[in-house]
Amino acid sequence: MEKQRKRTDSSSGQGMLWLFGAILAIQGFGSAITEAGWDTSFGVAGLLRAAHMPEWATPLVGFAGLALLGMAARRHYTGRRADRHS
């Protein structure tokens, strides 16, 4: 029973990593591309401009999203490998 509970707690945290990673990557890079191509700010870029943040802050949000996606992928594949060996 404890193993099942641990797996459920782990999978909900795993899902949050995937979700927030995807949101940050899409918002960060999408906002930066839109701002560069069409000279308009929306989403994260708009919020960061309103907060007087520099232009490089928007892609930084995208890279933070990629880092979270990388962490989620590593946990996913590490967990799969551990399940195979047990």
C-alpha atoms as a PDB file:
ATOM      1  CA  MET A   1       0.000   0.000   0.000  1.00  0.00           C
ATOM      2  CA  GLU A   2       2.853   2.398   0.863  1.00  0.00           C
ATOM      3  CA  LYS A   3       4.495   1.811  -2.523  1.00  0.00           C
ATOM      4  CA  GLN A   4       1.220   2.638  -4.310  1.00  0.00           C
ATOM      5  CA  ARG A   5       0.828   5.844  -2.301  1.00  0.00           C
ATOM      6  CA  LYS A   6       4.405   6.895  -2.999  1.00  0.00           C
ATOM      7  CA  ARG A   7       3.928   6.329  -6.729  1.00  0.00           C
ATOM      8  CA  THR A   8       0.711   8.412  -6.732  1.00  0.00           C
ATOM      9  CA  ASP A   9       2.404  11.306  -4.897  1.00  0.00           C
ATOM     10  CA  SER A  10       5.344  11.103  -7.265  1.00  0.00           C
ATOM     11  CA  SER A  11       3.187  11.011 -10.381  1.00  0.00           C
ATOM     12  CA  SER A  12       1.167  14.082  -9.353  1.00  0.00           C
ATOM     13  CA  GLY A  13       4.396  16.019  -8.812  1.00  0.00           C
ATOM     14  CA  GLN A  14       5.661  14.660 -12.125  1.00  0.00           C
ATOM     15  CA  GLY A  15       2.544  15.915 -13.865  1.00  0.00           C
ATOM     16  CA  MET A  16       3.031  19.370 -12.377  1.00  0.00           C
ATOM     17  CA  LEU A  17       6.612  19.485 -13.690  1.00  0.00           C
ATOM     18  CA  TRP A  18       5.406  18.591 -17.192  1.00  0.00           C
ATOM     19  CA  LEU A  19       2.570  21.119 -17.026  1.00  0.00           C
ATOM     20  CA  PHE A  20       4.528  24.096 -15.689  1.00  0.00           C
ATOM     21  CA  GLY A  21       7.478  23.297 -17.922  1.00  0.00           C
ATOM     22  CA  ALA A  22       5.280  23.304 -21.017  1.00  0.00           C
ATOM     23  CA  ILE A  23       3.478  26.495 -19.997  1.00  0.00           C
ATOM     24  CA  LEU A  24       6.692  28.383 -19.274  1.00  0.00           C
ATOM     25  CA  ALA A  25       8.411  27.167 -22.453  1.00  0.00           C
ATOM     26  CA  ILE A  26       5.466  28.057 -24.692  1.00  0.00           C
ATOM     27  CA  GLN A  27       4.797  31.404 -23.032  1.00  0.00           C
ATOM     28  CA  GLY A  28       8.455  32.400 -22.819  1.00  0.00           C
ATOM     29  CA  PHE A  29       9.549  31.483 -26.326  1.00  0.00           C
ATOM     30  CA  GLY A  30       6.183  32.222 -27.954  1.00  0.00           C
ATOM     31  CA  SER A  31       6.034  35.681 -26.434  1.00  0.00           C
ATOM     32  CA  ALA A  32       9.632  36.405 -27.452  1.00  0.00           C
ATOM     33  CA  ILE A  33       9.010  35.296 -31.053  1.00  0.00           C
ATOM     34  CA  THR A  34       5.771  37.267 -31.290  1.00  0.00           C
ATOM     35  CA  GLU A  35       7.401  40.354 -29.846  1.00  0.00           C
ATOM     36  CA  ALA A  36      10.358  40.118 -32.228  1.00  0.00           C
ATOM     37  CA  GLY A  37       8.308  39.322 -35.343  1.00  0.00           C
ATOM     38  CA  TRP A  38       5.226  41.474 -34.894  1.00  0.00           C
ATOM     39  CA  ASP A  39       6.432  44.096 -32.421  1.00  0.00           C
ATOM     40  CA  THR A  40       3.655  43.376 -29.956  1.00  0.00           C
ATOM     41  CA  SER A  41       3.716  42.087 -26.382  1.00  0.00           C
ATOM     42  CA  PHE A  42       1.255  39.609 -24.915  1.00  0.00           C
ATOM     43  CA  GLY A  43       1.254  37.000 -22.179  1.00  0.00           C
ATOM     44  CA  VAL A  44       4.521  36.754 -20.303  1.00  0.00           C
ATOM     45  CA  ALA A  45       6.234  39.364 -22.483  1.00  0.00           C
ATOM     46  CA  GLY A  46       3.475  41.869 -21.792  1.00  0.00           C
ATOM     47  CA  LEU A  47       3.637  41.268 -18.063  1.00  0.00           C
ATOM     48  CA  LEU A  48       7.412  41.531 -18.012  1.00  0.00           C
ATOM     49  CA  ARG A  49       7.369  44.769 -20.033  1.00  0.00           C
ATOM     50  CA  ALA A  50       4.789  46.236 -17.642  1.00  0.00           C
ATOM     51  CA  ALA A  51       7.161  45.342 -14.784  1.00  0.00           C
ATOM     52  CA  HIS A  52      10.024  47.129 -16.642  1.00  0.00           C
ATOM     53  CA  MET A  53      12.055  43.942 -17.064  1.00  0.00           C
ATOM     54  CA  PRO A  54      14.720  43.738 -19.806  1.00  0.00           C
ATOM     55  CA  GLU A  55      13.985  42.018 -23.137  1.00  0.00           C
ATOM     56  CA  TRP A  56      16.136  38.994 -22.309  1.00  0.00           C
ATOM     57  CA  ALA A  57      13.824  38.091 -19.413  1.00  0.00           C
ATOM     58  CA  THR A  58      11.212  36.613 -21.777  1.00  0.00           C
ATOM     59  CA  PRO A  59      13.496  33.944 -23.315  1.00  0.00           C
ATOM     60  CA  LEU A  60      14.784  33.284 -19.796  1.00  0.00           C
ATOM     61  CA  VAL A  61      11.244  32.204 -18.862  1.00  0.00           C
ATOM     62  CA  GLY A  62      11.309  29.835 -21.854  1.00  0.00           C
ATOM     63  CA  PHE A  63      14.628  28.355 -20.738  1.00  0.00           C
ATOM     64  CA  ALA A  64      13.227  27.882 -17.231  1.00  0.00           C
ATOM     65  CA  GLY A  65      10.392  25.921 -18.843  1.00  0.00           C
ATOM     66  CA  LEU A  66      12.899  23.781 -20.744  1.00  0.00           C
ATOM     67  CA  ALA A  67      14.736  23.099 -17.479  1.00  0.00           C
ATOM     68  CA  LEU A  68      11.502  21.909 -15.832  1.00  0.00           C
ATOM     69  CA  LEU A  69      10.722  19.717 -18.857  1.00  0.00           C
ATOM     70  CA  GLY A  70      14.217  18.254 -18.617  1.00  0.00           C
ATOM     71  CA  MET A  71      13.732  17.483 -14.932  1.00  0.00           C
ATOM     72  CA  ALA A  72      10.372  15.853 -15.665  1.00  0.00           C
ATOM     73  CA  ALA A  73      11.870  13.741 -18.465  1.00  0.00           C
ATOM     74  CA  ARG A  74      14.775  12.639 -16.284  1.00  0.00           C
ATOM     75  CA  ARG A  75      12.447  11.610 -13.442  1.00  0.00           C
ATOM     76  CA  HIS A  76      10.171   9.817 -15.888  1.00  0.00           C
ATOM     77  CA  TYR A  77      12.922   7.731 -17.472  1.00  0.00           C
ATOM     78  CA  THR A  78      14.709   7.123 -14.165  1.00  0.00           C
ATOM     79  CA  GLY A  79      11.449   5.883 -12.645  1.00  0.00           C
ATOM     80  CA  ARG A  80      10.806   3.580 -15.590  1.00  0.00           C
ATOM     81  CA  ARG A  81      14.266   2.078 -15.291  1.00  0.00           C
ATOM     82  CA  ALA A  82      13.813   1.535 -11.534  1.00  0.00           C
ATOM     83  CA  ASP A  83      10.436  -0.184 -12.136  1.00  0.00           C
ATOM     84  CA  ARG A  84      12.020  -2.566 -14.647  1.00  0.00           C
ATOM     85  CA  HIS A  85      14.738  -3.606 -12.229  1.00  0.00           C
ATOM     86  CA  SER A  86      12.484  -4.226  -9.237  1.00  0.00           C
END
